[in-house]
């Protein structure tokens, strides 16, 4: 997850224009994506990804979590209104290769974390202060203990941190 230095994943309107200066492929996004078998995201994140151009997750099973019904138009994409635990159990049974990536938004990420259905947090800290917006870890996030497993900085100023999610704090 890309996150601003002040902890936001998007501006107040859900925009990510502040990310445009940074190329995710320069920090290993292609390698990361190659390890992914399934992607989980919310409806707003799905619609935002469609607005950016060609579907970037070609060949990846995608589950769009939404309380309201709508039709997913991307390949290998399904819509689910099931609870996080049900979706996570199904993905654990049905994902035969690669990791499951909980892409976003914040509400989906917090729900998986709060249900103890995330084993790793991979954060790329972007050297931008957004000032206000959608926080990744905000109200409603349960306490968790983490263990740093990787830290890497890049000439662009990006810092990528990987954490194992341990028992709740």
C-alpha atoms as a PDB file:
ATOM      1  CA  UNK A   1       0.000   0.000   0.000  1.00  0.00           C
ATOM      2  CA  UNK A   2       1.329   3.423  -0.887  1.00  0.00           C
ATOM      3  CA  UNK A   3       0.911   5.782   2.044  1.00  0.00           C
ATOM      4  CA  UNK A   4       1.866   9.422   2.521  1.00  0.00           C
ATOM      5  CA  UNK A   5       4.336  10.399   5.212  1.00  0.00           C
ATOM      6  CA  UNK A   6       1.402  11.622   7.302  1.00  0.00           C
ATOM      7  CA  UNK A   7      -0.503   8.326   6.993  1.00  0.00           C
ATOM      8  CA  UNK A   8      -2.987   8.889   4.174  1.00  0.00           C
ATOM      9  CA  UNK A   9      -3.730   6.629   1.218  1.00  0.00           C
ATOM     10  CA  UNK A  10      -5.803   9.243  -0.605  1.00  0.00           C
ATOM     11  CA  UNK A  11      -6.805  12.881  -0.463  1.00  0.00           C
ATOM     12  CA  UNK A  12     -10.205  13.742   1.099  1.00  0.00           C
ATOM     13  CA  UNK A  13     -11.953  13.232  -2.273  1.00  0.00           C
ATOM     14  CA  UNK A  14     -10.335   9.795  -2.721  1.00  0.00           C
ATOM     15  CA  UNK A  15      -7.769  11.089  -5.217  1.00  0.00           C
ATOM     16  CA  UNK A  16      -4.207   9.855  -5.499  1.00  0.00           C
ATOM     17  CA  UNK A  17      -2.776  12.594  -7.721  1.00  0.00           C
ATOM     18  CA  UNK A  18       0.009  13.033  -5.150  1.00  0.00           C
ATOM     19  CA  UNK A  19       1.364   9.635  -6.262  1.00  0.00           C
ATOM     20  CA  UNK A  20       1.908  10.669  -9.892  1.00  0.00           C
ATOM     21  CA  UNK A  21       5.537  11.700  -9.348  1.00  0.00           C
ATOM     22  CA  UNK A  22       6.460   8.192  -8.224  1.00  0.00           C
ATOM     23  CA  UNK A  23       6.772   5.156 -10.463  1.00  0.00           C
ATOM     24  CA  UNK A  24       5.711   2.016  -8.566  1.00  0.00           C
ATOM     25  CA  UNK A  25       7.701  -0.137 -10.989  1.00  0.00           C
ATOM     26  CA  UNK A  26      10.921   1.590  -9.857  1.00  0.00           C
ATOM     27  CA  UNK A  27      10.459   0.023  -6.422  1.00  0.00           C
ATOM     28  CA  UNK A  28       9.716  -3.540  -7.553  1.00  0.00           C
ATOM     29  CA  UNK A  29       5.972  -3.428  -8.214  1.00  0.00           C
ATOM     30  CA  UNK A  30       6.305  -5.769 -11.204  1.00  0.00           C
ATOM     31  CA  UNK A  31       8.007  -8.403  -9.018  1.00  0.00           C
ATOM     32  CA  UNK A  32       5.401  -7.894  -6.301  1.00  0.00           C
ATOM     33  CA  UNK A  33       2.545  -8.249  -8.783  1.00  0.00           C
ATOM     34  CA  UNK A  34       4.071 -11.457 -10.178  1.00  0.00           C
ATOM     35  CA  UNK A  35       3.691 -13.032  -6.714  1.00  0.00           C
ATOM     36  CA  UNK A  36      -0.009 -12.159  -6.497  1.00  0.00           C
ATOM     37  CA  UNK A  37      -2.692 -14.703  -7.352  1.00  0.00           C
ATOM     38  CA  UNK A  38      -5.765 -12.765  -6.215  1.00  0.00           C
ATOM     39  CA  UNK A  39      -6.650  -9.140  -5.514  1.00  0.00           C
ATOM     40  CA  UNK A  40      -9.319  -7.855  -3.114  1.00  0.00           C
ATOM     41  CA  UNK A  41     -10.531  -4.273  -3.255  1.00  0.00           C
ATOM     42  CA  UNK A  42     -13.514  -2.067  -2.569  1.00  0.00           C
ATOM     43  CA  UNK A  43     -15.850  -0.660  -5.193  1.00  0.00           C
ATOM     44  CA  UNK A  44     -14.353   2.846  -5.143  1.00  0.00           C
ATOM     45  CA  UNK A  45     -10.825   1.485  -5.620  1.00  0.00           C
ATOM     46  CA  UNK A  46     -12.099  -0.715  -8.452  1.00  0.00           C
ATOM     47  CA  UNK A  47     -13.775   2.187 -10.220  1.00  0.00           C
ATOM     48  CA  UNK A  48     -10.681   4.346  -9.738  1.00  0.00           C
ATOM     49  CA  UNK A  49      -8.439   1.651 -11.250  1.00  0.00           C
ATOM     50  CA  UNK A  50     -10.712   1.430 -14.288  1.00  0.00           C
ATOM     51  CA  UNK A  51     -10.418   5.208 -14.780  1.00  0.00           C
ATOM     52  CA  UNK A  52      -6.608   5.001 -15.045  1.00  0.00           C
ATOM     53  CA  UNK A  53      -6.627   3.075 -18.319  1.00  0.00           C
ATOM     54  CA  UNK A  54      -6.159  -0.620 -19.170  1.00  0.00           C
ATOM     55  CA  UNK A  55      -6.918  -3.065 -16.369  1.00  0.00           C
ATOM     56  CA  UNK A  56      -3.568  -3.597 -14.603  1.00  0.00           C
ATOM     57  CA  UNK A  57      -4.455  -6.943 -13.006  1.00  0.00           C
ATOM     58  CA  UNK A  58      -4.909  -8.999 -16.168  1.00  0.00           C
ATOM     59  CA  UNK A  59      -4.837 -12.699 -15.287  1.00  0.00           C
ATOM     60  CA  UNK A  60      -5.426 -12.046 -11.576  1.00  0.00           C
ATOM     61  CA  UNK A  61      -8.619 -13.097  -9.886  1.00  0.00           C
ATOM     62  CA  UNK A  62     -10.181  -9.966  -8.396  1.00  0.00           C
ATOM     63  CA  UNK A  63     -12.893  -9.714  -5.778  1.00  0.00           C
ATOM     64  CA  UNK A  64     -14.580  -6.346  -5.398  1.00  0.00           C
ATOM     65  CA  UNK A  65     -16.226  -6.021  -2.009  1.00  0.00           C
ATOM     66  CA  UNK A  66     -19.329  -3.855  -2.055  1.00  0.00           C
ATOM     67  CA  UNK A  67     -22.483  -3.489  -0.003  1.00  0.00           C
ATOM     68  CA  UNK A  68     -24.361  -2.333  -3.110  1.00  0.00           C
ATOM     69  CA  UNK A  69     -24.717  -4.498  -6.158  1.00  0.00           C
ATOM     70  CA  UNK A  70     -23.057  -3.488  -9.393  1.00  0.00           C
ATOM     71  CA  UNK A  71     -21.537  -5.220 -12.387  1.00  0.00           C
ATOM     72  CA  UNK A  72     -17.774  -5.689 -12.518  1.00  0.00           C
ATOM     73  CA  UNK A  73     -16.496  -5.194 -16.057  1.00  0.00           C
ATOM     74  CA  UNK A  74     -12.870  -6.298 -15.695  1.00  0.00           C
ATOM     75  CA  UNK A  75     -11.725  -9.834 -16.581  1.00  0.00           C
ATOM     76  CA  UNK A  76     -11.720 -12.468 -13.806  1.00  0.00           C
ATOM     77  CA  UNK A  77     -13.545 -10.051 -11.514  1.00  0.00           C
ATOM     78  CA  UNK A  78     -16.441 -10.818  -9.218  1.00  0.00           C
ATOM     79  CA  UNK A  79     -18.436  -8.692  -6.792  1.00  0.00           C
ATOM     80  CA  UNK A  80     -19.074  -9.865  -3.235  1.00  0.00           C
ATOM     81  CA  UNK A  81     -21.130  -8.457  -0.381  1.00  0.00           C
ATOM     82  CA  UNK A  82     -20.031 -11.305   1.910  1.00  0.00           C
ATOM     83  CA  UNK A  83     -18.313 -10.559   5.238  1.00  0.00           C
ATOM     84  CA  UNK A  84     -14.504 -10.372   5.271  1.00  0.00           C
ATOM     85  CA  UNK A  85     -14.150 -13.721   7.051  1.00  0.00           C
ATOM     86  CA  UNK A  86     -16.211 -15.527   4.413  1.00  0.00           C
ATOM     87  CA  UNK A  87     -14.247 -13.944   1.550  1.00  0.00           C
ATOM     88  CA  UNK A  88     -10.928 -14.678   3.262  1.00  0.00           C
ATOM     89  CA  UNK A  89     -11.867 -18.325   3.902  1.00  0.00           C
ATOM     90  CA  UNK A  90     -12.967 -18.754   0.290  1.00  0.00           C
ATOM     91  CA  UNK A  91      -9.752 -17.219  -1.018  1.00  0.00           C
ATOM     92  CA  UNK A  92      -7.679 -19.450   1.276  1.00  0.00           C
ATOM     93  CA  UNK A  93      -9.428 -22.503  -0.194  1.00  0.00           C
ATOM     94  CA  UNK A  94      -9.522 -21.401  -3.818  1.00  0.00           C
ATOM     95  CA  UNK A  95      -6.289 -19.473  -4.405  1.00  0.00           C
ATOM     96  CA  UNK A  96      -3.966 -22.120  -5.780  1.00  0.00           C
ATOM     97  CA  UNK A  97      -0.980 -19.929  -6.595  1.00  0.00           C
ATOM     98  CA  UNK A  98       0.313 -16.610  -5.372  1.00  0.00           C
ATOM     99  CA  UNK A  99      -0.580 -14.417  -2.460  1.00  0.00           C
ATOM    100  CA  UNK A 100      -3.846 -12.600  -1.871  1.00  0.00           C
ATOM    101  CA  UNK A 101      -3.343  -8.836  -2.035  1.00  0.00           C
ATOM    102  CA  UNK A 102      -5.783  -6.634  -0.155  1.00  0.00           C
ATOM    103  CA  UNK A 103      -5.403  -3.582  -2.368  1.00  0.00           C
ATOM    104  CA  UNK A 104      -7.811  -1.100  -0.846  1.00  0.00           C
ATOM    105  CA  UNK A 105      -9.379   1.086   0.162  1.00  0.00           C
ATOM    106  CA  UNK A 106      -8.799   1.828   3.771  1.00  0.00           C
ATOM    107  CA  UNK A 107     -12.087   0.369   4.987  1.00  0.00           C
ATOM    108  CA  UNK A 108     -11.377  -2.979   3.304  1.00  0.00           C
ATOM    109  CA  UNK A 109      -7.771  -3.038   4.554  1.00  0.00           C
ATOM    110  CA  UNK A 110      -8.860  -2.233   8.129  1.00  0.00           C
ATOM    111  CA  UNK A 111     -11.590  -4.899   7.993  1.00  0.00           C
ATOM    112  CA  UNK A 112      -9.123  -7.613   6.940  1.00  0.00           C
ATOM    113  CA  UNK A 113      -6.612  -6.463   9.556  1.00  0.00           C
ATOM    114  CA  UNK A 114      -9.240  -6.271  12.311  1.00  0.00           C
ATOM    115  CA  UNK A 115     -10.476  -9.774  11.452  1.00  0.00           C
ATOM    116  CA  UNK A 116      -6.855 -11.007  11.741  1.00  0.00           C
ATOM    117  CA  UNK A 117      -6.925 -11.988   8.057  1.00  0.00           C
ATOM    118  CA  UNK A 118      -3.711 -10.121   7.116  1.00  0.00           C
ATOM    119  CA  UNK A 119      -0.387 -11.743   7.820  1.00  0.00           C
ATOM    120  CA  UNK A 120       1.812  -9.059   6.254  1.00  0.00           C
ATOM    121  CA  UNK A 121       1.674  -5.305   5.785  1.00  0.00           C
ATOM    122  CA  UNK A 122       3.755  -4.004   2.893  1.00  0.00           C
ATOM    123  CA  UNK A 123       3.850  -0.233   2.996  1.00  0.00           C
ATOM    124  CA  UNK A 124       5.604   2.141   0.654  1.00  0.00           C
ATOM    125  CA  UNK A 125       6.009   5.488   2.397  1.00  0.00           C
ATOM    126  CA  UNK A 126       5.811   8.321  -0.137  1.00  0.00           C
ATOM    127  CA  UNK A 127       7.693  11.499   0.876  1.00  0.00           C
ATOM    128  CA  UNK A 128       4.602  13.686   0.553  1.00  0.00           C
ATOM    129  CA  UNK A 129       2.509  15.319   3.246  1.00  0.00           C
ATOM    130  CA  UNK A 130      -1.098  15.224   2.084  1.00  0.00           C
ATOM    131  CA  UNK A 131      -2.397  17.136   5.118  1.00  0.00           C
ATOM    132  CA  UNK A 132      -5.846  15.566   5.192  1.00  0.00           C
ATOM    133  CA  UNK A 133      -7.516  12.629   3.582  1.00  0.00           C
ATOM    134  CA  UNK A 134      -8.341   8.966   3.935  1.00  0.00           C
ATOM    135  CA  UNK A 135      -6.149   7.406   6.618  1.00  0.00           C
ATOM    136  CA  UNK A 136      -5.033   3.806   6.243  1.00  0.00           C
ATOM    137  CA  UNK A 137      -5.029   3.317   9.994  1.00  0.00           C
ATOM    138  CA  UNK A 138      -7.741   5.515  11.427  1.00  0.00           C
ATOM    139  CA  UNK A 139     -10.697   5.295  13.723  1.00  0.00           C
ATOM    140  CA  UNK A 140     -11.888   1.734  14.049  1.00  0.00           C
ATOM    141  CA  UNK A 141      -8.476   0.105  13.608  1.00  0.00           C
ATOM    142  CA  UNK A 142      -7.805  -2.400  16.371  1.00  0.00           C
ATOM    143  CA  UNK A 143      -4.357  -2.439  18.002  1.00  0.00           C
ATOM    144  CA  UNK A 144      -1.851  -4.879  16.478  1.00  0.00           C
ATOM    145  CA  UNK A 145       1.765  -5.714  17.147  1.00  0.00           C
ATOM    146  CA  UNK A 146       4.033  -5.818  14.112  1.00  0.00           C
ATOM    147  CA  UNK A 147       7.548  -7.073  13.389  1.00  0.00           C
ATOM    148  CA  UNK A 148       9.639  -5.328  10.750  1.00  0.00           C
ATOM    149  CA  UNK A 149      10.956  -7.851   8.210  1.00  0.00           C
ATOM    150  CA  UNK A 150      12.263  -5.539   5.467  1.00  0.00           C
ATOM    151  CA  UNK A 151      13.172  -1.891   5.061  1.00  0.00           C
ATOM    152  CA  UNK A 152      14.446  -0.474   1.791  1.00  0.00           C
ATOM    153  CA  UNK A 153      14.907   3.115   0.708  1.00  0.00           C
ATOM    154  CA  UNK A 154      15.159   4.435  -2.827  1.00  0.00           C
ATOM    155  CA  UNK A 155      16.819   7.464  -4.416  1.00  0.00           C
ATOM    156  CA  UNK A 156      13.347   8.883  -5.125  1.00  0.00           C
ATOM    157  CA  UNK A 157      12.804   9.193  -1.377  1.00  0.00           C
ATOM    158  CA  UNK A 158      10.378   6.278  -1.165  1.00  0.00           C
ATOM    159  CA  UNK A 159      10.836   3.922   1.776  1.00  0.00           C
ATOM    160  CA  UNK A 160       9.266   0.462   1.590  1.00  0.00           C
ATOM    161  CA  UNK A 161       8.618  -1.381   4.834  1.00  0.00           C
ATOM    162  CA  UNK A 162       7.309  -4.916   5.290  1.00  0.00           C
ATOM    163  CA  UNK A 163       5.848  -6.039   8.595  1.00  0.00           C
ATOM    164  CA  UNK A 164       4.598  -9.380   9.847  1.00  0.00           C
ATOM    165  CA  UNK A 165       1.304  -8.934  11.676  1.00  0.00           C
ATOM    166  CA  UNK A 166       1.578 -10.505  15.122  1.00  0.00           C
ATOM    167  CA  UNK A 167      -1.057 -10.960  17.823  1.00  0.00           C
ATOM    168  CA  UNK A 168      -3.380  -8.074  18.560  1.00  0.00           C
ATOM    169  CA  UNK A 169      -1.928  -5.531  20.962  1.00  0.00           C
END
